[in-house]
């Protein structure tokens, strides 16, 4: 859709922004941190 297109009643507009973090990499990091916590001894 062009930026200057006119909207009609009921039209839906979705505005996206870049991702802050790659979801796949974020999950890998959380999994690694979880393993590190699990491997700790008291």
PDB file of N, CA and C in Angstrom:
ATOM      1  N   UNK A   1       0.848  -1.172   0.000  1.00  0.00           N
ATOM      2  CA  UNK A   1       0.000   0.000   0.000  1.00  0.00           C
ATOM      3  C   UNK A   1       0.895   1.238   0.000  1.00  0.00           C
ATOM      4  N   UNK A   2       0.517   2.195  -0.769  1.00  0.00           N
ATOM      5  CA  UNK A   2       1.285   3.439  -0.839  1.00  0.00           C
ATOM      6  C   UNK A   2       1.022   4.297   0.395  1.00  0.00           C
ATOM      7  N   UNK A   3       2.013   5.076   0.756  1.00  0.00           N
ATOM      8  CA  UNK A   3       1.907   5.927   1.948  1.00  0.00           C
ATOM      9  C   UNK A   3       0.835   7.000   1.794  1.00  0.00           C
ATOM     10  N   UNK A   4       0.546   7.405   0.561  1.00  0.00           N
ATOM     11  CA  UNK A   4      -0.445   8.464   0.360  1.00  0.00           C
ATOM     12  C   UNK A   4      -1.837   7.912   0.016  1.00  0.00           C
ATOM     13  N   UNK A   5      -2.030   6.621   0.147  1.00  0.00           N
ATOM     14  CA  UNK A   5      -3.328   6.012  -0.156  1.00  0.00           C
ATOM     15  C   UNK A   5      -4.362   6.458   0.876  1.00  0.00           C
ATOM     16  N   UNK A   6      -5.578   6.688   0.408  1.00  0.00           N
ATOM     17  CA  UNK A   6      -6.652   7.092   1.315  1.00  0.00           C
ATOM     18  C   UNK A   6      -7.236   5.850   1.974  1.00  0.00           C
ATOM     19  N   UNK A   7      -7.530   5.982   3.245  1.00  0.00           N
ATOM     20  CA  UNK A   7      -8.136   4.882   3.987  1.00  0.00           C
ATOM     21  C   UNK A   7      -9.647   5.014   3.964  1.00  0.00           C
ATOM     22  N   UNK A   8     -10.298   3.885   3.921  1.00  0.00           N
ATOM     23  CA  UNK A   8     -11.756   3.841   3.963  1.00  0.00           C
ATOM     24  C   UNK A   8     -12.190   3.385   5.349  1.00  0.00           C
ATOM     25  N   UNK A   9     -13.412   3.719   5.738  1.00  0.00           N
ATOM     26  CA  UNK A   9     -13.900   3.239   7.032  1.00  0.00           C
ATOM     27  C   UNK A   9     -13.792   1.708   7.103  1.00  0.00           C
ATOM     28  N   UNK A  10     -13.259   1.224   8.197  1.00  0.00           N
ATOM     29  CA  UNK A  10     -13.099  -0.214   8.372  1.00  0.00           C
ATOM     30  C   UNK A  10     -11.760  -0.748   7.898  1.00  0.00           C
ATOM     31  N   UNK A  11     -10.968   0.082   7.213  1.00  0.00           N
ATOM     32  CA  UNK A  11      -9.634  -0.357   6.791  1.00  0.00           C
ATOM     33  C   UNK A  11      -8.759  -0.573   8.011  1.00  0.00           C
ATOM     34  N   UNK A  12      -7.888  -1.532   7.904  1.00  0.00           N
ATOM     35  CA  UNK A  12      -6.994  -1.853   9.019  1.00  0.00           C
ATOM     36  C   UNK A  12      -5.578  -1.428   8.650  1.00  0.00           C
ATOM     37  N   UNK A  13      -4.921  -0.749   9.573  1.00  0.00           N
ATOM     38  CA  UNK A  13      -3.551  -0.299   9.360  1.00  0.00           C
ATOM     39  C   UNK A  13      -2.667  -0.968  10.400  1.00  0.00           C
ATOM     40  N   UNK A  14      -1.609  -1.620   9.945  1.00  0.00           N
ATOM     41  CA  UNK A  14      -0.660  -2.263  10.852  1.00  0.00           C
ATOM     42  C   UNK A  14       0.698  -1.599  10.671  1.00  0.00           C
ATOM     43  N   UNK A  15       1.273  -1.175  11.765  1.00  0.00           N
ATOM     44  CA  UNK A  15       2.575  -0.509  11.727  1.00  0.00           C
ATOM     45  C   UNK A  15       3.568  -1.402  12.451  1.00  0.00           C
ATOM     46  N   UNK A  16       4.624  -1.755  11.768  1.00  0.00           N
ATOM     47  CA  UNK A  16       5.634  -2.637  12.336  1.00  0.00           C
ATOM     48  C   UNK A  16       6.919  -1.871  12.594  1.00  0.00           C
ATOM     49  N   UNK A  17       7.676  -2.359  13.573  1.00  0.00           N
ATOM     50  CA  UNK A  17       8.995  -1.791  13.853  1.00  0.00           C
ATOM     51  C   UNK A  17       9.991  -2.941  13.849  1.00  0.00           C
ATOM     52  N   UNK A  18      11.250  -2.643  13.685  1.00  0.00           N
ATOM     53  CA  UNK A  18      12.252  -3.711  13.697  1.00  0.00           C
ATOM     54  C   UNK A  18      12.266  -4.428  15.049  1.00  0.00           C
ATOM     55  N   UNK A  19      12.612  -5.702  15.023  1.00  0.00           N
ATOM     56  CA  UNK A  19      12.715  -6.465  16.260  1.00  0.00           C
ATOM     57  C   UNK A  19      13.911  -5.986  17.070  1.00  0.00           C
ATOM     58  N   UNK A  20      13.749  -5.924  18.384  1.00  0.00           N
ATOM     59  CA  UNK A  20      14.846  -5.532  19.265  1.00  0.00           C
ATOM     60  C   UNK A  20      15.861  -6.664  19.347  1.00  0.00           C
ATOM     61  N   UNK A  21      15.361  -7.896  19.441  1.00  0.00           N
ATOM     62  CA  UNK A  21      16.237  -9.067  19.524  1.00  0.00           C
ATOM     63  C   UNK A  21      15.648 -10.177  18.669  1.00  0.00           C
ATOM     64  N   UNK A  22      16.511 -10.977  18.085  1.00  0.00           N
ATOM     65  CA  UNK A  22      16.084 -12.125  17.299  1.00  0.00           C
ATOM     66  C   UNK A  22      15.485 -13.160  18.257  1.00  0.00           C
ATOM     67  N   UNK A  23      14.222 -13.542  18.084  1.00  0.00           N
ATOM     68  CA  UNK A  23      13.587 -14.475  19.024  1.00  0.00           C
ATOM     69  C   UNK A  23      14.343 -15.791  19.173  1.00  0.00           C
ATOM     70  N   UNK A  24      14.905 -16.291  18.090  1.00  0.00           N
ATOM     71  CA  UNK A  24      15.635 -17.564  18.142  1.00  0.00           C
ATOM     72  C   UNK A  24      16.891 -17.424  19.008  1.00  0.00           C
ATOM     73  N   UNK A  25      17.611 -16.342  18.834  1.00  0.00           N
ATOM     74  CA  UNK A  25      18.829 -16.120  19.622  1.00  0.00           C
ATOM     75  C   UNK A  25      18.488 -15.856  21.086  1.00  0.00           C
ATOM     76  N   UNK A  26      17.406 -15.135  21.341  1.00  0.00           N
ATOM     77  CA  UNK A  26      16.997 -14.851  22.722  1.00  0.00           C
ATOM     78  C   UNK A  26      16.652 -16.150  23.448  1.00  0.00           C
ATOM     79  N   UNK A  27      15.984 -17.075  22.751  1.00  0.00           N
ATOM     80  CA  UNK A  27      15.626 -18.351  23.366  1.00  0.00           C
ATOM     81  C   UNK A  27      16.877 -19.174  23.666  1.00  0.00           C
ATOM     82  N   UNK A  28      17.835 -19.163  22.734  1.00  0.00           N
ATOM     83  CA  UNK A  28      19.098 -19.886  22.963  1.00  0.00           C
ATOM     84  C   UNK A  28      19.798 -19.351  24.207  1.00  0.00           C
ATOM     85  N   UNK A  29      19.797 -18.028  24.354  1.00  0.00           N
ATOM     86  CA  UNK A  29      20.458 -17.407  25.498  1.00  0.00           C
ATOM     87  C   UNK A  29      19.770 -17.802  26.806  1.00  0.00           C
ATOM     88  N   UNK A  30      18.424 -17.758  26.815  1.00  0.00           N
ATOM     89  CA  UNK A  30      17.684 -18.151  28.021  1.00  0.00           C
ATOM     90  C   UNK A  30      17.926 -19.611  28.368  1.00  0.00           C
ATOM     91  N   UNK A  31      17.985 -20.476  27.350  1.00  0.00           N
ATOM     92  CA  UNK A  31      18.221 -21.902  27.587  1.00  0.00           C
ATOM     93  C   UNK A  31      19.611 -22.117  28.174  1.00  0.00           C
ATOM     94  N   UNK A  32      20.601 -21.399  27.653  1.00  0.00           N
ATOM     95  CA  UNK A  32      21.968 -21.527  28.160  1.00  0.00           C
ATOM     96  C   UNK A  32      22.043 -21.043  29.609  1.00  0.00           C
ATOM     97  N   UNK A  33      21.360 -19.952  29.915  1.00  0.00           N
ATOM     98  CA  UNK A  33      21.356 -19.436  31.288  1.00  0.00           C
ATOM     99  C   UNK A  33      20.662 -20.421  32.227  1.00  0.00           C
ATOM    100  N   UNK A  34      19.613 -21.068  31.760  1.00  0.00           N
ATOM    101  CA  UNK A  34      18.904 -22.056  32.564  1.00  0.00           C
ATOM    102  C   UNK A  34      19.782 -23.253  32.873  1.00  0.00           C
ATOM    103  N   UNK A  35      20.551 -23.697  31.882  1.00  0.00           N
ATOM    104  CA  UNK A  35      21.469 -24.820  32.093  1.00  0.00           C
ATOM    105  C   UNK A  35      22.546 -24.436  33.098  1.00  0.00           C
ATOM    106  N   UNK A  36      23.039 -23.202  32.996  1.00  0.00           N
ATOM    107  CA  UNK A  36      24.078 -22.741  33.919  1.00  0.00           C
ATOM    108  C   UNK A  36      23.542 -22.722  35.351  1.00  0.00           C
ATOM    109  N   UNK A  37      22.301 -22.291  35.523  1.00  0.00           N
ATOM    110  CA  UNK A  37      21.698 -22.255  36.862  1.00  0.00           C
ATOM    111  C   UNK A  37      21.473 -23.675  37.386  1.00  0.00           C
ATOM    112  N   UNK A  38      21.097 -24.581  36.508  1.00  0.00           N
ATOM    113  CA  UNK A  38      20.821 -25.960  36.905  1.00  0.00           C
ATOM    114  C   UNK A  38      22.104 -26.681  37.322  1.00  0.00           C
ATOM    115  N   UNK A  39      23.216 -26.335  36.682  1.00  0.00           N
ATOM    116  CA  UNK A  39      24.490 -27.002  36.954  1.00  0.00           C
ATOM    117  C   UNK A  39      25.206 -26.455  38.183  1.00  0.00           C
ATOM    118  N   UNK A  40      24.718 -25.374  38.758  1.00  0.00           N
ATOM    119  CA  UNK A  40      25.363 -24.809  39.954  1.00  0.00           C
ATOM    120  C   UNK A  40      25.136 -25.714  41.151  1.00  0.00           C
ATOM    121  N   UNK A  41      26.149 -25.796  41.982  1.00  0.00           N
ATOM    122  CA  UNK A  41      26.009 -26.565  43.224  1.00  0.00           C
ATOM    123  C   UNK A  41      26.037 -25.608  44.401  1.00  0.00           C
ATOM    124  N   UNK A  42      25.485 -26.039  45.503  1.00  0.00           N
ATOM    125  CA  UNK A  42      25.434 -25.170  46.685  1.00  0.00           C
ATOM    126  C   UNK A  42      26.666 -25.309  47.505  1.00  0.00           C
TER     127      UNK A  42
END
